[in-house]
C-alpha cells in the first residue's frame, strides 16, 4: 500500500516531502529518476495558494487507493507512465531553467507543432476548394481522361 503514516498529508505543508504515490506506483520505485524529479519539483515549488492546498488535500486523499489499483495492472502502469512524461518534462524544465524560459520553450514547441499540422491542412483545404478542383479537372479533361468526373460534378 502506498499510504504512509510518515507522510505529512496536510495542505499546510505545501506539498513538500510528500509521497508521489501515483508516480511511484507507475514506475515501481521511489528511486526511479522520473519519481525523484517529480518529488524534487513538489519540494521546490510548494503549493501555498488555496487552489494548491485544495489540490494537495484531494491528491493525498484519493491517490493512495488509486496508486494501489495502478500498481496491480501492468498495462495501466504503462499508460500512467506515458501520461506522466509531459509533467516530468515540464518539471525538469522548471527546475533547470526557471519559470520564464520554460513556458517560452513550450510555446515555441507548440507553435512549431501547430504549424506543421495546420499548414498541410490549409493546403488540403485549397486542393479541395471547388474552384481550384474544377480548374484541376478541366486541365486534365482535355486529354479525355477525366471527362466523366467533370460531368458528375455538375458543370
C-alpha atoms as a PDB file:
ATOM      1  CA  UNK A   1       0.000   0.000   0.000  1.00  0.00           C
ATOM      2  CA  UNK A   2       1.271   3.480  -0.822  1.00  0.00           C
ATOM      3  CA  UNK A   3      -0.209   5.455   2.057  1.00  0.00           C
ATOM      4  CA  UNK A   4       2.449   6.094   4.625  1.00  0.00           C
ATOM      5  CA  UNK A   5       1.855   7.482   8.126  1.00  0.00           C
ATOM      6  CA  UNK A   6       5.210   9.284   7.891  1.00  0.00           C
ATOM      7  CA  UNK A   7       3.951  11.428   5.018  1.00  0.00           C
ATOM      8  CA  UNK A   8       2.558  14.786   6.084  1.00  0.00           C
ATOM      9  CA  UNK A   9      -0.714  14.977   4.210  1.00  0.00           C
ATOM     10  CA  UNK A  10      -1.901  18.317   5.496  1.00  0.00           C
ATOM     11  CA  UNK A  11      -2.467  21.035   2.913  1.00  0.00           C
ATOM     12  CA  UNK A  12      -0.492  23.472   5.039  1.00  0.00           C
ATOM     13  CA  UNK A  13       2.692  21.534   4.396  1.00  0.00           C
ATOM     14  CA  UNK A  14       2.714  22.953   0.870  1.00  0.00           C
ATOM     15  CA  UNK A  15       3.377  19.602  -0.776  1.00  0.00           C
ATOM     16  CA  UNK A  16       6.953  19.202   0.436  1.00  0.00           C
ATOM     17  CA  UNK A  17       8.314  15.841   1.456  1.00  0.00           C
ATOM     18  CA  UNK A  18       5.180  14.123   0.219  1.00  0.00           C
ATOM     19  CA  UNK A  19       4.782  10.845  -1.455  1.00  0.00           C
ATOM     20  CA  UNK A  20       4.257  10.996  -5.301  1.00  0.00           C
ATOM     21  CA  UNK A  21       2.026   7.943  -4.853  1.00  0.00           C
ATOM     22  CA  UNK A  22       0.798   7.618  -8.425  1.00  0.00           C
ATOM     23  CA  UNK A  23       4.235   8.107  -9.996  1.00  0.00           C
ATOM     24  CA  UNK A  24       5.719   5.581  -7.567  1.00  0.00           C
ATOM     25  CA  UNK A  25       3.015   3.063  -8.460  1.00  0.00           C
ATOM     26  CA  UNK A  26       3.514   3.647 -12.187  1.00  0.00           C
ATOM     27  CA  UNK A  27       7.299   3.454 -12.158  1.00  0.00           C
ATOM     28  CA  UNK A  28       7.579   0.861  -9.392  1.00  0.00           C
ATOM     29  CA  UNK A  29      10.139   2.594  -7.184  1.00  0.00           C
ATOM     30  CA  UNK A  30      10.697   5.853  -5.336  1.00  0.00           C
ATOM     31  CA  UNK A  31      14.274   5.751  -6.629  1.00  0.00           C
ATOM     32  CA  UNK A  32      13.242   5.861 -10.306  1.00  0.00           C
ATOM     33  CA  UNK A  33      14.540   9.103 -11.908  1.00  0.00           C
ATOM     34  CA  UNK A  34      11.090  10.336 -13.006  1.00  0.00           C
ATOM     35  CA  UNK A  35       9.686   9.884  -9.495  1.00  0.00           C
ATOM     36  CA  UNK A  36      12.698  11.635  -7.969  1.00  0.00           C
ATOM     37  CA  UNK A  37      12.277  14.508 -10.428  1.00  0.00           C
ATOM     38  CA  UNK A  38       8.570  14.939  -9.637  1.00  0.00           C
ATOM     39  CA  UNK A  39       9.340  14.818  -5.918  1.00  0.00           C
ATOM     40  CA  UNK A  40      12.070  17.469  -6.319  1.00  0.00           C
ATOM     41  CA  UNK A  41       9.587  19.666  -8.161  1.00  0.00           C
ATOM     42  CA  UNK A  42       6.928  19.325  -5.458  1.00  0.00           C
ATOM     43  CA  UNK A  43       9.535  20.031  -2.770  1.00  0.00           C
ATOM     44  CA  UNK A  44      10.967  23.087  -4.522  1.00  0.00           C
ATOM     45  CA  UNK A  45       7.655  24.650  -5.573  1.00  0.00           C
ATOM     46  CA  UNK A  46       5.292  24.148  -2.649  1.00  0.00           C
ATOM     47  CA  UNK A  47       1.573  24.827  -3.019  1.00  0.00           C
ATOM     48  CA  UNK A  48       0.743  27.906  -0.950  1.00  0.00           C
ATOM     49  CA  UNK A  49      -2.376  29.248  -2.637  1.00  0.00           C
ATOM     50  CA  UNK A  50      -5.859  27.991  -1.759  1.00  0.00           C
ATOM     51  CA  UNK A  51      -6.183  26.125  -5.066  1.00  0.00           C
ATOM     52  CA  UNK A  52      -2.859  24.364  -4.491  1.00  0.00           C
ATOM     53  CA  UNK A  53      -3.776  23.457  -0.919  1.00  0.00           C
ATOM     54  CA  UNK A  54      -7.100  22.004  -2.071  1.00  0.00           C
ATOM     55  CA  UNK A  55      -5.331  20.047  -4.812  1.00  0.00           C
ATOM     56  CA  UNK A  56      -2.829  18.666  -2.279  1.00  0.00           C
ATOM     57  CA  UNK A  57      -5.609  17.668   0.117  1.00  0.00           C
ATOM     58  CA  UNK A  58      -7.518  15.879  -2.666  1.00  0.00           C
ATOM     59  CA  UNK A  59      -4.351  14.269  -4.020  1.00  0.00           C
ATOM     60  CA  UNK A  60      -3.314  12.870  -0.643  1.00  0.00           C
ATOM     61  CA  UNK A  61      -6.876  11.647  -0.001  1.00  0.00           C
ATOM     62  CA  UNK A  62      -7.515   9.887  -3.295  1.00  0.00           C
ATOM     63  CA  UNK A  63      -4.116   8.973  -4.711  1.00  0.00           C
ATOM     64  CA  UNK A  64      -3.152   6.123  -2.322  1.00  0.00           C
ATOM     65  CA  UNK A  65      -6.113   3.916  -3.372  1.00  0.00           C
ATOM     66  CA  UNK A  66      -5.576   4.905  -6.990  1.00  0.00           C
ATOM     67  CA  UNK A  67      -1.890   4.017  -6.685  1.00  0.00           C
ATOM     68  CA  UNK A  68      -2.798   0.596  -5.255  1.00  0.00           C
ATOM     69  CA  UNK A  69      -5.067  -0.041  -8.251  1.00  0.00           C
ATOM     70  CA  UNK A  70      -2.459   1.216 -10.756  1.00  0.00           C
ATOM     71  CA  UNK A  71       0.321  -0.895  -9.263  1.00  0.00           C
ATOM     72  CA  UNK A  72      -1.737  -4.048  -9.791  1.00  0.00           C
ATOM     73  CA  UNK A  73      -2.256  -3.562 -13.536  1.00  0.00           C
ATOM     74  CA  UNK A  74       0.811  -3.518 -15.782  1.00  0.00           C
ATOM     75  CA  UNK A  75      -0.977  -2.054 -18.806  1.00  0.00           C
ATOM     76  CA  UNK A  76      -2.382   0.759 -16.675  1.00  0.00           C
ATOM     77  CA  UNK A  77       1.083   1.400 -15.237  1.00  0.00           C
ATOM     78  CA  UNK A  78       2.366   1.874 -18.785  1.00  0.00           C
ATOM     79  CA  UNK A  79      -0.455   4.311 -19.641  1.00  0.00           C
ATOM     80  CA  UNK A  80       0.198   6.309 -16.467  1.00  0.00           C
ATOM     81  CA  UNK A  81       3.949   6.396 -17.171  1.00  0.00           C
ATOM     82  CA  UNK A  82       3.259   7.824 -20.653  1.00  0.00           C
ATOM     83  CA  UNK A  83       0.773  10.290 -19.160  1.00  0.00           C
ATOM     84  CA  UNK A  84       3.314  11.488 -16.609  1.00  0.00           C
ATOM     85  CA  UNK A  85       6.039  12.176 -19.197  1.00  0.00           C
ATOM     86  CA  UNK A  86       4.843  15.718 -20.049  1.00  0.00           C
ATOM     87  CA  UNK A  87       4.658  16.557 -16.337  1.00  0.00           C
ATOM     88  CA  UNK A  88       8.148  15.189 -15.800  1.00  0.00           C
ATOM     89  CA  UNK A  89       9.444  17.189 -18.783  1.00  0.00           C
ATOM     90  CA  UNK A  90       7.864  20.422 -17.620  1.00  0.00           C
ATOM     91  CA  UNK A  91       9.092  19.783 -14.076  1.00  0.00           C
ATOM     92  CA  UNK A  92      12.608  19.190 -15.376  1.00  0.00           C
ATOM     93  CA  UNK A  93      12.493  22.418 -17.390  1.00  0.00           C
ATOM     94  CA  UNK A  94      11.199  24.461 -14.473  1.00  0.00           C
ATOM     95  CA  UNK A  95      13.794  23.019 -12.106  1.00  0.00           C
ATOM     96  CA  UNK A  96      16.647  23.511 -14.557  1.00  0.00           C
ATOM     97  CA  UNK A  97      15.782  26.808 -16.262  1.00  0.00           C
ATOM     98  CA  UNK A  98      13.138  28.513 -14.122  1.00  0.00           C
ATOM     99  CA  UNK A  99       9.706  29.999 -14.737  1.00  0.00           C
ATOM    100  CA  UNK A 100      10.457  32.344 -17.659  1.00  0.00           C
ATOM    101  CA  UNK A 101      12.405  30.245 -20.204  1.00  0.00           C
ATOM    102  CA  UNK A 102      10.390  27.030 -19.756  1.00  0.00           C
ATOM    103  CA  UNK A 103       6.958  28.417 -20.759  1.00  0.00           C
ATOM    104  CA  UNK A 104       8.593  30.248 -23.656  1.00  0.00           C
ATOM    105  CA  UNK A 105      10.172  26.996 -24.829  1.00  0.00           C
ATOM    106  CA  UNK A 106       6.826  25.176 -24.505  1.00  0.00           C
ATOM    107  CA  UNK A 107       5.158  27.965 -26.515  1.00  0.00           C
ATOM    108  CA  UNK A 108       7.822  27.673 -29.219  1.00  0.00           C
ATOM    109  CA  UNK A 109       7.450  23.898 -29.469  1.00  0.00           C
ATOM    110  CA  UNK A 110       3.644  24.056 -29.557  1.00  0.00           C
ATOM    111  CA  UNK A 111       3.816  26.728 -32.266  1.00  0.00           C
ATOM    112  CA  UNK A 112       6.138  24.595 -34.383  1.00  0.00           C
ATOM    113  CA  UNK A 113       3.907  21.572 -33.939  1.00  0.00           C
ATOM    114  CA  UNK A 114       0.770  23.514 -34.825  1.00  0.00           C
ATOM    115  CA  UNK A 115       2.436  24.965 -37.926  1.00  0.00           C
ATOM    116  CA  UNK A 116       3.412  21.505 -39.071  1.00  0.00           C
ATOM    117  CA  UNK A 117      -0.170  20.290 -38.564  1.00  0.00           C
ATOM    118  CA  UNK A 118      -2.164  23.337 -39.707  1.00  0.00           C
ATOM    119  CA  UNK A 119      -0.157  24.173 -42.838  1.00  0.00           C
ATOM    120  CA  UNK A 120      -0.809  20.842 -44.549  1.00  0.00           C
ATOM    121  CA  UNK A 121      -4.468  21.097 -43.524  1.00  0.00           C
ATOM    122  CA  UNK A 122      -4.691  24.550 -45.146  1.00  0.00           C
ATOM    123  CA  UNK A 123      -3.073  23.211 -48.295  1.00  0.00           C
ATOM    124  CA  UNK A 124      -5.543  20.345 -48.418  1.00  0.00           C
ATOM    125  CA  UNK A 125      -8.377  22.846 -47.985  1.00  0.00           C
ATOM    126  CA  UNK A 126      -7.116  24.685 -51.071  1.00  0.00           C
ATOM    127  CA  UNK A 127      -6.949  21.455 -53.034  1.00  0.00           C
ATOM    128  CA  UNK A 128     -10.478  20.537 -52.024  1.00  0.00           C
ATOM    129  CA  UNK A 129     -11.773  24.026 -52.805  1.00  0.00           C
ATOM    130  CA  UNK A 130     -14.356  23.595 -55.566  1.00  0.00           C
ATOM    131  CA  UNK A 131     -12.963  26.358 -57.801  1.00  0.00           C
ATOM    132  CA  UNK A 132      -9.418  25.021 -57.614  1.00  0.00           C
ATOM    133  CA  UNK A 133     -10.658  21.470 -58.097  1.00  0.00           C
ATOM    134  CA  UNK A 134     -12.665  22.419 -61.208  1.00  0.00           C
ATOM    135  CA  UNK A 135      -9.602  24.071 -62.768  1.00  0.00           C
ATOM    136  CA  UNK A 136      -7.604  20.945 -61.986  1.00  0.00           C
ATOM    137  CA  UNK A 137     -10.250  18.703 -63.578  1.00  0.00           C
ATOM    138  CA  UNK A 138     -10.615  20.896 -66.695  1.00  0.00           C
ATOM    139  CA  UNK A 139      -6.881  20.812 -67.355  1.00  0.00           C
ATOM    140  CA  UNK A 140      -6.898  17.025 -67.082  1.00  0.00           C
ATOM    141  CA  UNK A 141     -10.140  16.563 -69.034  1.00  0.00           C
ATOM    142  CA  UNK A 142      -8.643  17.965 -72.222  1.00  0.00           C
ATOM    143  CA  UNK A 143      -6.864  14.681 -72.559  1.00  0.00           C
ATOM    144  CA  UNK A 144     -10.224  12.907 -72.159  1.00  0.00           C
ATOM    145  CA  UNK A 145      -9.153  11.075 -69.013  1.00  0.00           C
ATOM    146  CA  UNK A 146     -11.376  12.901 -66.528  1.00  0.00           C
ATOM    147  CA  UNK A 147     -14.478  13.818 -68.586  1.00  0.00           C
ATOM    148  CA  UNK A 148     -16.729  11.525 -66.561  1.00  0.00           C
ATOM    149  CA  UNK A 149     -15.574  13.131 -63.290  1.00  0.00           C
ATOM    150  CA  UNK A 150     -16.261  16.669 -64.582  1.00  0.00           C
ATOM    151  CA  UNK A 151     -19.816  15.832 -65.603  1.00  0.00           C
ATOM    152  CA  UNK A 152     -20.521  14.183 -62.265  1.00  0.00           C
ATOM    153  CA  UNK A 153     -19.579  17.448 -60.501  1.00  0.00           C
ATOM    154  CA  UNK A 154     -22.408  19.294 -62.247  1.00  0.00           C
ATOM    155  CA  UNK A 155     -20.601  21.562 -64.707  1.00  0.00           C
END
